[in-house]
Structures are given as C-alpha cells and as structure tokens.
PDB file of N, CA and C in Angstrom:
ATOM      1  N   UNK A   1     -52.939 -22.017-130.438  1.00  0.00           N
ATOM      2  CA  UNK A   1     -51.572 -21.894-130.615  1.00  0.00           C
ATOM      3  C   UNK A   1     -51.253 -22.233-132.098  1.00  0.00           C
ATOM      4  N   UNK A   2     -50.817 -21.015-132.204  1.00  0.00           N
ATOM      5  CA  UNK A   2     -50.313 -20.878-133.781  1.00  0.00           C
ATOM      6  C   UNK A   2     -48.914 -21.818-134.435  1.00  0.00           C
ATOM      7  N   UNK A   3     -49.075 -22.077-135.413  1.00  0.00           N
ATOM      8  CA  UNK A   3     -47.577 -22.746-136.024  1.00  0.00           C
ATOM      9  C   UNK A   3     -47.397 -21.886-137.152  1.00  0.00           C
ATOM     10  N   UNK A   4     -46.028 -22.398-137.467  1.00  0.00           N
ATOM     11  CA  UNK A   4     -45.836 -22.033-138.511  1.00  0.00           C
ATOM     12  C   UNK A   4     -46.147 -22.777-139.839  1.00  0.00           C
ATOM     13  N   UNK A   5     -46.319 -24.142-139.808  1.00  0.00           N
ATOM     14  CA  UNK A   5     -46.648 -25.431-141.317  1.00  0.00           C
ATOM     15  C   UNK A   5     -48.346 -24.705-141.023  1.00  0.00           C
ATOM     16  N   UNK A   6     -48.624 -24.307-140.550  1.00  0.00           N
ATOM     17  CA  UNK A   6     -51.348 -24.333-140.718  1.00  0.00           C
ATOM     18  C   UNK A   6     -50.955 -22.923-141.794  1.00  0.00           C
ATOM     19  N   UNK A   7     -52.290 -22.876-142.694  1.00  0.00           N
ATOM     20  CA  UNK A   7     -52.260 -21.541-142.544  1.00  0.00           C
ATOM     21  C   UNK A   7     -54.047 -20.494-142.140  1.00  0.00           C
ATOM     22  N   UNK A   8     -53.770 -19.031-142.083  1.00  0.00           N
ATOM     23  CA  UNK A   8     -54.521 -18.452-140.779  1.00  0.00           C
ATOM     24  C   UNK A   8     -55.494 -16.715-142.132  1.00  0.00           C
ATOM     25  N   UNK A   9     -56.242 -17.273-141.598  1.00  0.00           N
ATOM     26  CA  UNK A   9     -56.677 -16.137-142.132  1.00  0.00           C
ATOM     27  C   UNK A   9     -57.254 -15.044-140.659  1.00  0.00           C
ATOM     28  N   UNK A  10     -58.070 -13.957-141.520  1.00  0.00           N
ATOM     29  CA  UNK A  10     -58.344 -12.648-140.478  1.00  0.00           C
ATOM     30  C   UNK A  10     -60.106 -13.479-140.124  1.00  0.00           C
ATOM     31  N   UNK A  11     -60.632 -13.236-138.764  1.00  0.00           N
ATOM     32  CA  UNK A  11     -62.002 -13.555-138.484  1.00  0.00           C
ATOM     33  C   UNK A  11     -63.112 -12.991-139.466  1.00  0.00           C
ATOM     34  N   UNK A  12     -62.139 -11.149-139.995  1.00  0.00           N
ATOM     35  CA  UNK A  12     -63.055 -10.977-140.794  1.00  0.00           C
ATOM     36  C   UNK A  12     -63.122 -11.235-142.078  1.00  0.00           C
ATOM     37  N   UNK A  13     -62.428 -12.206-142.481  1.00  0.00           N
ATOM     38  CA  UNK A  13     -62.255 -13.077-143.881  1.00  0.00           C
ATOM     39  C   UNK A  13     -60.572 -12.804-145.058  1.00  0.00           C
ATOM     40  N   UNK A  14     -59.552 -12.261-144.133  1.00  0.00           N
ATOM     41  CA  UNK A  14     -58.248 -11.567-144.838  1.00  0.00           C
ATOM     42  C   UNK A  14     -57.152 -12.581-144.116  1.00  0.00           C
ATOM     43  N   UNK A  15     -56.661 -12.394-146.066  1.00  0.00           N
ATOM     44  CA  UNK A  15     -56.021 -13.155-146.039  1.00  0.00           C
ATOM     45  C   UNK A  15     -54.135 -12.970-144.767  1.00  0.00           C
ATOM     46  N   UNK A  16     -53.731 -14.443-144.601  1.00  0.00           N
ATOM     47  CA  UNK A  16     -52.870 -13.333-143.018  1.00  0.00           C
ATOM     48  C   UNK A  16     -51.644 -13.963-144.386  1.00  0.00           C
ATOM     49  N   UNK A  17     -50.240 -13.614-144.167  1.00  0.00           N
ATOM     50  CA  UNK A  17     -48.863 -14.856-144.435  1.00  0.00           C
ATOM     51  C   UNK A  17     -48.366 -14.685-142.774  1.00  0.00           C
ATOM     52  N   UNK A  18     -47.703 -15.171-142.326  1.00  0.00           N
ATOM     53  CA  UNK A  18     -47.325 -15.311-141.185  1.00  0.00           C
ATOM     54  C   UNK A  18     -45.674 -15.589-141.293  1.00  0.00           C
ATOM     55  N   UNK A  19     -44.811 -14.368-140.471  1.00  0.00           N
ATOM     56  CA  UNK A  19     -43.902 -14.694-140.769  1.00  0.00           C
ATOM     57  C   UNK A  19     -42.821 -15.108-139.389  1.00  0.00           C
ATOM     58  N   UNK A  20     -43.282 -15.199-138.165  1.00  0.00           N
ATOM     59  CA  UNK A  20     -42.656 -15.221-137.065  1.00  0.00           C
ATOM     60  C   UNK A  20     -43.243 -15.588-135.504  1.00  0.00           C
ATOM     61  N   UNK A  21     -43.320 -16.476-134.994  1.00  0.00           N
ATOM     62  CA  UNK A  21     -43.815 -17.312-133.856  1.00  0.00           C
ATOM     63  C   UNK A  21     -43.514 -16.838-133.021  1.00  0.00           C
ATOM     64  N   UNK A  22     -41.957 -15.810-132.938  1.00  0.00           N
ATOM     65  CA  UNK A  22     -40.894 -16.027-131.372  1.00  0.00           C
ATOM     66  C   UNK A  22     -40.982 -14.632-131.623  1.00  0.00           C
ATOM     67  N   UNK A  23     -41.219 -13.589-131.693  1.00  0.00           N
ATOM     68  CA  UNK A  23     -40.606 -12.137-131.347  1.00  0.00           C
ATOM     69  C   UNK A  23     -40.278 -12.162-130.152  1.00  0.00           C
ATOM     70  N   UNK A  24     -39.119 -11.462-129.407  1.00  0.00           N
ATOM     71  CA  UNK A  24     -38.825 -11.177-128.789  1.00  0.00           C
ATOM     72  C   UNK A  24     -38.940  -9.887-127.818  1.00  0.00           C
ATOM     73  N   UNK A  25     -39.562 -10.459-126.091  1.00  0.00           N
ATOM     74  CA  UNK A  25     -39.201  -8.953-125.784  1.00  0.00           C
ATOM     75  C   UNK A  25     -41.185  -8.136-126.068  1.00  0.00           C
ATOM     76  N   UNK A  26     -42.175  -8.978-126.158  1.00  0.00           N
ATOM     77  CA  UNK A  26     -43.636  -8.923-126.076  1.00  0.00           C
ATOM     78  C   UNK A  26     -44.716  -9.630-126.098  1.00  0.00           C
ATOM     79  N   UNK A  27     -45.620  -9.641-125.678  1.00  0.00           N
ATOM     80  CA  UNK A  27     -46.735 -11.052-125.534  1.00  0.00           C
ATOM     81  C   UNK A  27     -47.232 -10.908-126.822  1.00  0.00           C
ATOM     82  N   UNK A  28     -46.988 -10.420-127.406  1.00  0.00           N
ATOM     83  CA  UNK A  28     -47.166 -10.242-129.480  1.00  0.00           C
ATOM     84  C   UNK A  28     -46.454 -10.901-130.261  1.00  0.00           C
ATOM     85  N   UNK A  29     -46.313 -11.818-130.006  1.00  0.00           N
ATOM     86  CA  UNK A  29     -45.040 -13.031-130.707  1.00  0.00           C
ATOM     87  C   UNK A  29     -45.197 -13.227-131.896  1.00  0.00           C
ATOM     88  N   UNK A  30     -46.414 -13.238-132.650  1.00  0.00           N
ATOM     89  CA  UNK A  30     -46.718 -13.574-133.389  1.00  0.00           C
ATOM     90  C   UNK A  30     -46.249 -12.039-134.725  1.00  0.00           C
ATOM     91  N   UNK A  31     -45.806 -12.615-135.718  1.00  0.00           N
ATOM     92  CA  UNK A  31     -45.903 -11.582-137.187  1.00  0.00           C
ATOM     93  C   UNK A  31     -46.043 -11.706-138.152  1.00  0.00           C
ATOM     94  N   UNK A  32     -47.277 -11.585-138.658  1.00  0.00           N
ATOM     95  CA  UNK A  32     -47.745 -11.463-140.426  1.00  0.00           C
ATOM     96  C   UNK A  32     -47.457 -10.395-140.892  1.00  0.00           C
ATOM     97  N   UNK A  33     -48.910 -10.438-141.929  1.00  0.00           N
ATOM     98  CA  UNK A  33     -48.715  -9.949-142.816  1.00  0.00           C
ATOM     99  C   UNK A  33     -50.018 -10.149-143.484  1.00  0.00           C
ATOM    100  N   UNK A  34     -51.079  -8.951-143.373  1.00  0.00           N
ATOM    101  CA  UNK A  34     -52.905  -9.156-143.799  1.00  0.00           C
ATOM    102  C   UNK A  34     -53.302  -8.287-145.106  1.00  0.00           C
ATOM    103  N   UNK A  35     -54.016  -9.246-145.960  1.00  0.00           N
ATOM    104  CA  UNK A  35     -53.677  -9.055-147.547  1.00  0.00           C
ATOM    105  C   UNK A  35     -54.585  -8.438-147.341  1.00  0.00           C
ATOM    106  N   UNK A  36     -55.236  -7.285-148.216  1.00  0.00           N
ATOM    107  CA  UNK A  36     -56.962  -6.640-148.832  1.00  0.00           C
ATOM    108  C   UNK A  36     -56.650  -7.111-150.433  1.00  0.00           C
ATOM    109  N   UNK A  37     -56.052  -7.955-151.330  1.00  0.00           N
ATOM    110  CA  UNK A  37     -55.870  -8.125-151.983  1.00  0.00           C
ATOM    111  C   UNK A  37     -54.637  -8.098-152.845  1.00  0.00           C
ATOM    112  N   UNK A  38     -54.765  -6.725-152.050  1.00  0.00           N
ATOM    113  CA  UNK A  38     -53.796  -5.500-153.232  1.00  0.00           C
ATOM    114  C   UNK A  38     -52.621  -5.142-152.603  1.00  0.00           C
ATOM    115  N   UNK A  39     -52.722  -4.981-151.366  1.00  0.00           N
ATOM    116  CA  UNK A  39     -51.560  -4.353-149.870  1.00  0.00           C
ATOM    117  C   UNK A  39     -51.257  -5.464-148.737  1.00  0.00           C
ATOM    118  N   UNK A  40     -50.427  -5.730-148.072  1.00  0.00           N
ATOM    119  CA  UNK A  40     -50.078  -6.654-147.279  1.00  0.00           C
ATOM    120  C   UNK A  40     -50.066  -5.264-145.778  1.00  0.00           C
ATOM    121  N   UNK A  41     -50.423  -5.829-145.169  1.00  0.00           N
ATOM    122  CA  UNK A  41     -50.221  -4.597-143.521  1.00  0.00           C
ATOM    123  C   UNK A  41     -49.913  -5.629-142.806  1.00  0.00           C
ATOM    124  N   UNK A  42     -48.133  -5.174-141.532  1.00  0.00           N
ATOM    125  CA  UNK A  42     -47.575  -5.463-141.085  1.00  0.00           C
ATOM    126  C   UNK A  42     -48.798  -5.802-139.186  1.00  0.00           C
ATOM    127  N   UNK A  43     -48.917  -7.002-138.978  1.00  0.00           N
ATOM    128  CA  UNK A  43     -49.551  -7.125-137.309  1.00  0.00           C
ATOM    129  C   UNK A  43     -48.898  -7.836-136.596  1.00  0.00           C
ATOM    130  N   UNK A  44     -49.353  -7.599-135.486  1.00  0.00           N
ATOM    131  CA  UNK A  44     -48.508  -9.021-134.354  1.00  0.00           C
ATOM    132  C   UNK A  44     -50.248  -9.379-133.714  1.00  0.00           C
ATOM    133  N   UNK A  45     -50.301 -10.323-133.111  1.00  0.00           N
ATOM    134  CA  UNK A  45     -50.846 -10.848-132.651  1.00  0.00           C
ATOM    135  C   UNK A  45     -50.058 -12.268-131.267  1.00  0.00           C
ATOM    136  N   UNK A  46     -51.432 -12.282-130.362  1.00  0.00           N
ATOM    137  CA  UNK A  46     -50.720 -13.319-129.629  1.00  0.00           C
ATOM    138  C   UNK A  46     -50.290 -14.634-130.032  1.00  0.00           C
ATOM    139  N   UNK A  47     -49.779 -15.656-128.893  1.00  0.00           N
ATOM    140  CA  UNK A  47     -49.346 -17.250-129.246  1.00  0.00           C
ATOM    141  C   UNK A  47     -50.074 -17.814-130.110  1.00  0.00           C
ATOM    142  N   UNK A  48     -52.076 -16.980-129.723  1.00  0.00           N
ATOM    143  CA  UNK A  48     -52.988 -17.690-128.974  1.00  0.00           C
ATOM    144  C   UNK A  48     -54.010 -16.861-130.376  1.00  0.00           C
ATOM    145  N   UNK A  49     -53.355 -16.343-130.706  1.00  0.00           N
ATOM    146  CA  UNK A  49     -53.864 -15.794-132.186  1.00  0.00           C
ATOM    147  C   UNK A  49     -54.533 -14.263-131.994  1.00  0.00           C
ATOM    148  N   UNK A  50     -54.168 -13.645-131.161  1.00  0.00           N
ATOM    149  CA  UNK A  50     -55.945 -12.694-130.627  1.00  0.00           C
ATOM    150  C   UNK A  50     -55.268 -11.097-131.002  1.00  0.00           C
ATOM    151  N   UNK A  51     -55.158  -9.868-131.575  1.00  0.00           N
ATOM    152  CA  UNK A  51     -54.944  -8.938-131.798  1.00  0.00           C
ATOM    153  C   UNK A  51     -55.109  -7.894-130.596  1.00  0.00           C
ATOM    154  N   UNK A  52     -54.195  -6.853-130.860  1.00  0.00           N
ATOM    155  CA  UNK A  52     -54.422  -6.218-129.282  1.00  0.00           C
ATOM    156  C   UNK A  52     -55.346  -5.695-129.161  1.00  0.00           C
ATOM    157  N   UNK A  53     -56.165  -5.611-130.080  1.00  0.00           N
ATOM    158  CA  UNK A  53     -57.407  -4.621-129.282  1.00  0.00           C
ATOM    159  C   UNK A  53     -58.563  -5.637-128.526  1.00  0.00           C
ATOM    160  N   UNK A  54     -58.317  -6.941-128.344  1.00  0.00           N
ATOM    161  CA  UNK A  54     -59.425  -8.115-128.019  1.00  0.00           C
ATOM    162  C   UNK A  54     -59.945  -8.832-128.757  1.00  0.00           C
ATOM    163  N   UNK A  55     -60.638  -9.456-128.914  1.00  0.00           N
ATOM    164  CA  UNK A  55     -61.755  -9.417-129.948  1.00  0.00           C
ATOM    165  C   UNK A  55     -62.269  -8.705-130.813  1.00  0.00           C
ATOM    166  N   UNK A  56     -61.050  -9.471-131.836  1.00  0.00           N
ATOM    167  CA  UNK A  56     -61.325  -8.394-133.254  1.00  0.00           C
ATOM    168  C   UNK A  56     -61.415  -8.654-134.522  1.00  0.00           C
ATOM    169  N   UNK A  57     -61.858  -7.723-135.358  1.00  0.00           N
ATOM    170  CA  UNK A  57     -61.378  -9.250-137.319  1.00  0.00           C
ATOM    171  C   UNK A  57     -60.454  -9.038-137.702  1.00  0.00           C
ATOM    172  N   UNK A  58     -59.606  -8.405-136.680  1.00  0.00           N
ATOM    173  CA  UNK A  58     -58.314  -9.066-136.917  1.00  0.00           C
ATOM    174  C   UNK A  58     -57.482 -10.255-136.371  1.00  0.00           C
ATOM    175  N   UNK A  59     -58.492 -11.054-135.404  1.00  0.00           N
ATOM    176  CA  UNK A  59     -57.850 -12.260-134.826  1.00  0.00           C
ATOM    177  C   UNK A  59     -57.364 -13.092-135.734  1.00  0.00           C
ATOM    178  N   UNK A  60     -56.428 -13.919-135.429  1.00  0.00           N
ATOM    179  CA  UNK A  60     -56.357 -15.482-136.681  1.00  0.00           C
ATOM    180  C   UNK A  60     -57.320 -16.223-136.337  1.00  0.00           C
ATOM    181  N   UNK A  61     -57.902 -17.262-137.663  1.00  0.00           N
ATOM    182  CA  UNK A  61     -58.403 -18.372-138.054  1.00  0.00           C
ATOM    183  C   UNK A  61     -57.842 -19.574-138.353  1.00  0.00           C
ATOM    184  N   UNK A  62     -57.417 -20.577-138.042  1.00  0.00           N
ATOM    185  CA  UNK A  62     -57.176 -21.811-138.947  1.00  0.00           C
ATOM    186  C   UNK A  62     -57.511 -22.155-139.865  1.00  0.00           C
ATOM    187  N   UNK A  63     -57.532 -21.937-140.953  1.00  0.00           N
ATOM    188  CA  UNK A  63     -58.320 -22.361-142.382  1.00  0.00           C
ATOM    189  C   UNK A  63     -56.757 -23.919-143.087  1.00  0.00           C
ATOM    190  N   UNK A  64     -58.251 -24.157-143.424  1.00  0.00           N
ATOM    191  CA  UNK A  64     -57.394 -25.935-143.986  1.00  0.00           C
ATOM    192  C   UNK A  64     -57.381 -25.897-145.415  1.00  0.00           C
TER     193      UNK A  64
END
C-alpha cells in the first residue's frame, strides 16, 4: 500500500513525487509526478502502486 510518508521510484528507475493517495471516484487513487530529470509528468496508480497498463515500467517501487 502506498504511503505519503515514503519515497518511491518507478520500476523503470525514475523518481516519483506522490501528491495524494485519496483521489475520489477512481481505482487509480494515487496521484503523483514522474521526473525524467528535466520535466515532471502527471500519473496515477492504484493504492498498491500499479499503473493503468498492468505490470509496467511505471509501477511504483518503494525506496529507502
């Protein structure tokens, strides 16, 4: 389960900044920004960190 107090990267190695974990009206309730080093793109995930395309490079991985 995704937690606002933890740090995440994508499975593909890009840094993620989580904005909220309680989006209403969608199973993709986690909203965040994925960084490519120059820009950030808006994405959403399930509470378990899965992207909307199934297992992908954009799934969330917790980092310490």
